[in-house]
Protein backbone atom coordinates (compact mmCIF):
# COMPACT_ATOMS: atom_id res chain seq x y z
CA MET A 1 -66.04 -10.92 -63.64
CA ALA A 2 -62.83 -8.93 -64.08
CA SER A 3 -60.52 -10.02 -66.85
CA GLY A 4 -58.11 -12.71 -65.71
CA VAL A 5 -59.82 -13.15 -62.34
CA LEU A 6 -61.49 -16.47 -61.56
CA PHE A 7 -64.13 -15.32 -59.08
CA SER A 8 -66.07 -12.07 -59.08
CA GLU A 9 -66.26 -11.72 -55.32
CA LEU A 10 -65.16 -13.15 -52.00
CA SER A 11 -67.90 -15.00 -50.15
CA ASP A 12 -68.01 -14.86 -46.36
CA ARG A 13 -66.85 -18.45 -46.16
CA THR A 14 -63.92 -17.87 -48.49
CA SER A 15 -62.98 -14.67 -46.66
CA ARG A 16 -62.92 -16.64 -43.43
CA ARG A 17 -60.65 -19.29 -44.93
CA LEU A 18 -58.28 -16.66 -46.28
CA ARG A 19 -58.33 -14.88 -42.93
CA VAL A 20 -57.22 -18.07 -41.19
CA ALA A 21 -54.47 -18.53 -43.77
CA ARG A 22 -53.29 -14.92 -43.41
CA ARG A 23 -53.19 -15.05 -39.62
CA THR A 24 -51.33 -18.34 -39.73
CA TYR A 25 -48.85 -16.87 -42.20
CA ARG A 26 -48.34 -13.83 -39.95
CA SER A 27 -47.74 -16.10 -36.96
CA ALA A 28 -45.17 -18.08 -38.94
CA GLU A 29 -43.56 -14.86 -40.16
CA ALA A 30 -43.13 -13.68 -36.57
CA LEU A 31 -41.48 -16.97 -35.63
CA ALA A 32 -39.25 -16.90 -38.70
CA THR A 33 -38.04 -13.35 -38.20
CA GLY A 34 -37.99 -13.13 -34.42
CA GLY A 35 -37.66 -16.67 -33.15
CA VAL A 36 -34.32 -18.10 -32.19
CA SER A 37 -35.13 -21.59 -30.98
CA ASP A 38 -35.30 -24.88 -32.83
CA ALA A 39 -38.98 -25.13 -31.88
CA ASP A 40 -39.68 -21.70 -33.39
CA ARG A 41 -38.12 -22.68 -36.70
CA ALA A 42 -39.95 -26.00 -36.88
CA SER A 43 -43.26 -24.35 -35.98
CA ALA A 44 -42.75 -21.65 -38.61
CA ILE A 45 -42.22 -24.26 -41.35
CA VAL A 46 -45.40 -26.13 -40.40
CA GLN A 47 -47.45 -22.92 -40.28
CA PHE A 48 -46.16 -21.63 -43.64
CA ASP A 49 -47.18 -24.92 -45.22
CA PHE A 50 -50.61 -24.85 -43.55
CA ALA A 51 -51.25 -21.27 -44.66
CA VAL A 52 -50.62 -21.99 -48.34
CA GLU A 53 -52.56 -25.25 -48.26
CA THR A 54 -55.53 -23.38 -46.79
CA VAL A 55 -55.36 -20.80 -49.59
CA THR A 56 -55.18 -23.57 -52.19
CA ARG A 57 -58.15 -25.42 -50.76
CA ALA A 58 -60.14 -22.18 -50.66
CA LEU A 59 -59.45 -21.91 -54.38
CA LEU A 60 -60.73 -25.43 -55.01
CA PHE A 61 -63.87 -24.90 -52.92
CA ASP A 62 -64.77 -21.84 -54.99
CA ALA A 63 -63.84 -23.62 -58.24
CA GLY A 64 -66.34 -26.36 -57.44
CA ARG A 65 -69.01 -23.83 -56.51
CA HIS A 66 -68.57 -21.36 -59.36
CA LEU A 67 -66.64 -23.10 -62.13
CA ARG A 68 -68.22 -26.54 -61.86
CA SER A 69 -64.82 -28.07 -61.24
CA LYS A 70 -64.92 -31.75 -60.40
CA VAL A 71 -61.76 -31.60 -58.26
CA ASP A 72 -62.58 -32.49 -54.67
CA PRO A 73 -61.37 -29.60 -52.47
CA LYS A 74 -60.81 -32.14 -49.69
CA ILE A 75 -58.55 -34.23 -51.91
CA GLN A 76 -55.83 -36.06 -50.02
CA GLY A 77 -52.16 -35.72 -50.89
CA PHE A 78 -50.16 -32.59 -51.56
CA ARG A 79 -49.30 -33.23 -55.21
CA PRO A 80 -52.91 -34.04 -56.17
CA LEU A 81 -53.93 -30.84 -54.38
CA LEU A 82 -51.48 -28.77 -56.40
CA GLU A 83 -52.45 -30.49 -59.63
CA GLY A 84 -56.12 -29.77 -58.98
CA ALA A 85 -55.31 -26.10 -58.45
CA ALA A 86 -53.13 -26.09 -61.57
CA ASP A 87 -56.00 -27.56 -63.62
CA THR A 88 -58.28 -24.83 -62.30
CA PHE A 89 -55.92 -22.09 -63.45
CA ARG A 90 -55.22 -23.78 -66.80
CA ASN A 91 -58.89 -24.38 -67.60
CA ALA A 92 -59.64 -20.72 -66.89
CA GLY A 93 -56.68 -19.55 -68.93
CA SER A 94 -55.25 -17.67 -65.94
CA ALA A 95 -51.95 -19.51 -65.52
CA ASN A 96 -50.18 -22.65 -66.71
CA ASP A 97 -49.53 -23.91 -63.19
CA VAL A 98 -49.92 -23.07 -59.53
CA PRO A 99 -47.90 -19.92 -58.85
CA GLY A 100 -44.63 -20.78 -57.13
CA ARG A 101 -45.17 -24.52 -57.35
CA ALA A 102 -41.50 -25.46 -57.02
CA GLY A 103 -41.20 -23.34 -53.90
CA LEU A 104 -44.33 -24.86 -52.40
CA GLU A 105 -42.98 -28.36 -52.95
CA HIS A 106 -39.78 -27.29 -51.18
CA VAL A 107 -41.81 -25.96 -48.24
CA ARG A 108 -43.74 -29.23 -48.03
CA SER A 109 -40.55 -31.31 -48.09
CA LEU A 110 -39.09 -29.29 -45.21
CA ARG A 111 -42.38 -29.49 -43.32
CA ASN A 112 -42.46 -33.28 -43.71
CA ALA A 113 -38.88 -33.55 -42.53
CA ALA A 114 -39.61 -31.39 -39.49
CA GLN A 115 -42.92 -33.03 -38.59
CA HIS A 116 -42.20 -36.66 -39.39
CA GLU A 117 -38.42 -37.00 -39.15
CA ALA A 118 -37.66 -34.55 -36.32
CA ARG A 119 -35.29 -32.66 -38.62
CA ILE A 120 -34.83 -29.08 -37.47
CA PRO A 121 -34.78 -26.59 -40.37
CA THR A 122 -31.98 -24.05 -40.59
CA GLU A 123 -32.53 -20.32 -40.40
CA ILE A 124 -31.86 -20.04 -44.12
CA GLU A 125 -34.45 -22.72 -44.90
CA VAL A 126 -37.05 -20.97 -42.74
CA HIS A 127 -36.51 -17.66 -44.53
CA GLU A 128 -36.72 -19.43 -47.89
CA CYS A 129 -40.08 -20.85 -46.83
CA LEU A 130 -41.25 -17.39 -45.78
CA VAL A 131 -40.55 -16.06 -49.28
CA TYR A 132 -41.97 -19.08 -51.11
CA ALA A 133 -45.18 -19.17 -49.02
CA ARG A 134 -45.72 -15.42 -49.21
CA ASP A 135 -45.18 -15.13 -52.95
CA ALA A 136 -47.36 -18.14 -53.77
CA ALA A 137 -50.24 -17.08 -51.50
CA VAL A 138 -50.17 -13.49 -52.76
CA GLU A 139 -50.26 -14.57 -56.40
CA ILE A 140 -52.93 -17.27 -55.94
CA VAL A 141 -55.23 -14.82 -54.16
CA ARG A 142 -54.58 -12.13 -56.76
CA LEU A 143 -55.36 -14.43 -59.68
CA ALA A 144 -58.38 -16.03 -58.05
CA TRP A 145 -60.14 -13.12 -56.33
CA ALA A 146 -58.20 -9.95 -57.31
CA ALA A 147 -57.56 -9.48 -53.60
CA ASP A 148 -54.51 -8.69 -51.50
CA PHE A 149 -53.59 -11.65 -49.31
CA LEU A 150 -51.45 -9.48 -47.02
CA ALA A 151 -53.94 -6.62 -46.64
CA ALA A 152 -54.43 -5.34 -43.11
CA GLU A 153 -57.56 -6.66 -41.47
CA THR A 154 -60.19 -4.16 -40.39
CA GLU A 155 -63.22 -6.45 -40.15
CA ALA A 156 -63.19 -6.41 -36.37
CA ILE A 157 -63.10 -2.62 -36.08
CA ARG A 158 -66.51 -1.27 -35.01
CA SER A 159 -65.78 2.45 -35.05
CA ALA A 160 -66.58 4.21 -38.32
CA ILE A 161 -64.23 7.02 -37.28
CA VAL A 162 -61.28 4.67 -36.72
CA LYS A 163 -61.96 2.96 -40.04
CA ARG A 164 -61.98 6.36 -41.75
CA TYR A 165 -58.66 7.28 -40.15
CA LEU A 166 -57.15 3.96 -41.24
CA SER A 167 -58.42 4.52 -44.78
CA GLY A 168 -56.69 7.89 -44.73
CA ALA A 169 -53.48 6.23 -43.58
CA LYS A 170 -53.66 3.68 -46.38
CA ALA A 171 -54.30 6.39 -49.00
CA ALA A 172 -51.38 8.44 -47.70
CA GLU A 173 -49.08 5.41 -47.73
CA ASP A 174 -50.12 4.56 -51.30
CA ALA A 175 -49.27 8.14 -52.28
CA GLY A 176 -45.83 7.83 -50.70
CA ASP A 177 -46.67 10.22 -47.85
CA LEU A 178 -45.35 8.22 -44.88
CA ILE A 179 -45.45 11.16 -42.47
CA GLY A 180 -49.08 11.77 -43.39
CA ALA A 181 -49.84 8.07 -42.94
CA MET A 182 -48.34 8.18 -39.45
CA GLY A 183 -50.52 11.17 -38.64
CA TRP A 184 -53.66 9.28 -39.64
CA LEU A 185 -52.53 6.25 -37.63
CA ARG A 186 -51.87 8.43 -34.60
CA ALA A 187 -55.40 9.84 -34.89
CA ALA A 188 -56.88 6.33 -35.12
CA PHE A 189 -54.79 5.16 -32.17
CA GLU A 190 -55.79 8.14 -30.01
CA HIS A 191 -59.49 7.90 -30.84
CA ALA A 192 -59.64 4.15 -30.26
CA PHE A 193 -58.14 4.35 -26.79
CA THR A 194 -59.91 7.50 -25.63
CA HIS A 195 -63.40 6.49 -26.80
CA GLY A 196 -64.45 3.10 -25.53
CA GLY A 197 -61.11 1.44 -24.88
CA GLU A 198 -60.77 2.45 -21.24
CA ASN A 199 -62.31 -0.77 -20.02
CA LEU A 200 -59.42 -2.60 -21.66
CA VAL A 201 -56.44 -0.30 -21.24
CA GLY A 202 -57.28 1.91 -18.26
CA PRO A 203 -57.53 5.72 -18.28
CA PRO A 204 -57.39 7.77 -21.47
CA ILE A 205 -54.09 7.41 -23.24
CA LYS A 206 -51.48 9.99 -22.23
CA SER A 207 -49.18 12.08 -24.38
CA ASP A 208 -46.11 10.04 -23.45
CA VAL A 209 -47.75 6.91 -24.87
CA LEU A 210 -48.97 8.76 -27.96
CA ALA A 211 -45.35 9.69 -28.59
CA PHE A 212 -44.81 6.14 -29.79
CA ALA A 213 -47.04 6.92 -32.79
CA GLU A 214 -45.47 10.33 -33.43
CA PRO A 215 -43.26 10.44 -36.55
CA VAL A 216 -39.65 11.26 -35.73
CA GLY A 217 -37.70 12.68 -38.61
CA SER A 218 -37.69 11.10 -42.03
CA GLY A 219 -37.24 7.63 -40.56
């Protein structure tokens, strides 16, 4: 097990839980940054809260399985849930508390107000929840599994060639070569839709559509 990391690997079940949390977070993020209605803001708050609770429960499930923790991962109540996670981190010497606990409690209070009191959150409150939920989830996943909560998902990609192109894009981005990364992404995009995607998107992709993936200047 790596130093400072609670669990040596991600099981399939834990990966699935984190995948649900990540997709829920992304959905909430889209509502928070693009939504304009009261319903969008309320839905975003509820989804941010659900995403982080799912991450926290995934932590407790693995703690019971690998660390012999006696905290029930299905424990009821938000504060007991956070305290159970805090105990897990403290007992392992990883952290003194749940990362971002104050922010998570703020998210839960706004979620309760939206869900149980029909109080519509403001735009500022929604963006605060985005930051609190993101930062907490990223840090919990990093401390627990040494993984990136916000990493792009490639599990569903079947093509080894497309995966290789995406790996090239990630390596180029990490090296600060954004133009190179766009080139790799363009190659992945073109290959995906000209080899096996016709049944979904029609004839092979044309140059005018590929232009959307073509880098334009330094921007």
